[in-house]
Amino acid sequence: MNFNTVKDMASQLDHQDKLKLASLLIQMALSDHQTQAKPSQTAVSGDYQYCLERVLKSRPNRLPALENYLEAILSFKGANTADINGIIKELQLYKAIRLDGETVVYLMD
């Protein structure tokens, strides 16, 4: 169904039903926007939280230094199969860091 069809159908509704429809559409748009704009906090891994705290204290400036640091803290923690690139992607996704080439820019204090 396209927009014009829905608009024509909605124009046939009375005033009260138009308000109900508008309210419903706004609620649907807001819920869609919230789920797309921000990943859920429950999806954050325990390794991510641990690494975030440590990285924000240490703040390695270069990408290879960040990778080595993450590998070191995760191996110290006892994580056997640490996905360093996954952690770095999560740090970028949650806007903790930004990579400018090989340089790490910190977006959180």
Protein backbone atom coordinates (compact mmCIF):
# COMPACT_ATOMS: atom_id res chain seq x y z
CA MET A 1 0.00 0.00 0.00
CA ASN A 2 1.43 3.40 -0.87
CA PHE A 3 1.17 6.75 0.86
CA ASN A 4 -1.53 8.22 -1.40
CA THR A 5 -3.82 5.25 -0.83
CA VAL A 6 -3.46 5.55 2.93
CA LYS A 7 -3.98 9.33 2.76
CA ASP A 8 -7.20 8.88 0.75
CA MET A 9 -8.47 6.29 3.20
CA ALA A 10 -7.55 8.46 6.20
CA SER A 11 -9.37 11.47 4.73
CA GLN A 12 -12.62 9.48 5.01
CA LEU A 13 -12.22 9.11 8.79
CA ASP A 14 -13.98 11.41 11.24
CA HIS A 15 -12.03 13.88 13.37
CA GLN A 16 -11.70 11.61 16.42
CA ASP A 17 -10.44 8.64 14.39
CA LYS A 18 -7.92 10.86 12.58
CA LEU A 19 -6.49 11.90 15.96
CA LYS A 20 -6.28 8.27 17.08
CA LEU A 21 -4.55 7.30 13.83
CA ALA A 22 -2.10 10.21 14.13
CA SER A 23 -1.27 9.23 17.70
CA LEU A 24 -0.74 5.61 16.71
CA LEU A 25 1.52 6.58 13.78
CA ILE A 26 3.62 8.85 16.00
CA GLN A 27 4.04 6.09 18.59
CA MET A 28 5.04 3.60 15.90
CA ALA A 29 7.54 6.02 14.37
CA LEU A 30 9.09 6.82 17.76
CA SER A 31 9.45 3.17 18.72
CA ASP A 32 11.01 2.35 15.32
CA HIS A 33 13.39 5.29 15.63
CA GLN A 34 14.46 4.30 19.14
CA THR A 35 15.22 0.72 18.17
CA GLN A 36 17.19 1.80 15.08
CA ALA A 37 19.04 4.77 16.59
CA LYS A 38 20.38 3.16 19.73
CA PRO A 39 21.45 -0.45 20.23
CA SER A 40 20.01 -2.02 23.35
CA GLN A 41 22.14 -1.85 26.46
CA THR A 42 21.51 -5.53 27.16
CA ALA A 43 23.51 -6.45 24.06
CA VAL A 44 26.68 -5.05 25.65
CA SER A 45 29.04 -7.84 26.56
CA GLY A 46 30.81 -8.13 29.91
CA ASP A 47 34.15 -7.97 28.11
CA TYR A 48 33.09 -4.68 26.54
CA GLN A 49 32.28 -3.09 29.91
CA TYR A 50 35.55 -4.30 31.38
CA CYS A 51 37.55 -3.07 28.39
CA LEU A 52 35.76 0.28 28.28
CA GLU A 53 36.70 1.11 31.86
CA ARG A 54 40.32 0.09 31.36
CA VAL A 55 40.74 1.76 27.96
CA LEU A 56 39.32 5.06 29.19
CA LYS A 57 41.91 5.05 31.99
CA SER A 58 44.87 4.09 29.81
CA ARG A 59 43.91 5.80 26.51
CA PRO A 60 46.33 4.25 24.00
CA ASN A 61 46.81 6.74 21.13
CA ARG A 62 47.39 4.40 18.18
CA LEU A 63 45.31 1.49 16.89
CA PRO A 64 48.10 -1.13 17.23
CA ALA A 65 48.70 0.03 20.80
CA LEU A 66 44.94 -0.25 21.52
CA GLU A 67 44.84 -3.77 20.04
CA ASN A 68 47.86 -4.86 22.11
CA TYR A 69 46.38 -3.30 25.25
CA LEU A 70 43.02 -5.03 24.77
CA GLU A 71 44.73 -8.35 24.12
CA ALA A 72 46.80 -7.93 27.28
CA ILE A 73 43.94 -7.01 29.61
CA LEU A 74 41.69 -9.74 28.25
CA SER A 75 44.37 -12.40 28.55
CA PHE A 76 45.07 -11.18 32.11
CA LYS A 77 41.35 -11.48 32.83
CA GLY A 78 41.44 -15.05 31.55
CA ALA A 79 39.51 -14.70 28.29
CA ASN A 80 40.86 -17.38 25.96
CA THR A 81 39.18 -16.36 22.73
CA ALA A 82 39.07 -12.59 22.84
CA ASP A 83 37.63 -10.87 19.79
CA ILE A 84 39.75 -7.71 19.83
CA ASN A 85 38.28 -6.37 16.57
CA GLY A 86 34.77 -6.98 17.92
CA ILE A 87 35.55 -5.01 21.07
CA ILE A 88 36.98 -2.15 18.99
CA LYS A 89 33.85 -2.15 16.81
CA GLU A 90 31.70 -2.01 19.97
CA LEU A 91 33.78 0.89 21.29
CA GLN A 92 33.07 2.71 18.04
CA LEU A 93 29.41 1.69 17.95
CA TYR A 94 28.74 3.03 21.44
CA LYS A 95 30.72 6.19 20.60
CA ALA A 96 33.50 5.68 23.13
CA ILE A 97 36.19 6.04 20.46
CA ARG A 98 36.60 7.08 16.85
CA LEU A 99 39.39 5.92 14.57
CA ASP A 100 41.11 8.44 12.29
CA GLY A 101 43.29 6.10 10.30
CA GLU A 102 45.65 4.60 12.89
CA THR A 103 44.91 7.30 15.50
CA VAL A 104 42.40 6.66 18.28
CA VAL A 105 40.20 9.63 19.26
CA TYR A 106 38.38 9.32 22.59
CA LEU A 107 34.82 10.64 22.65
CA MET A 108 34.11 9.88 26.32
CA ASP A 109 35.75 11.33 29.42
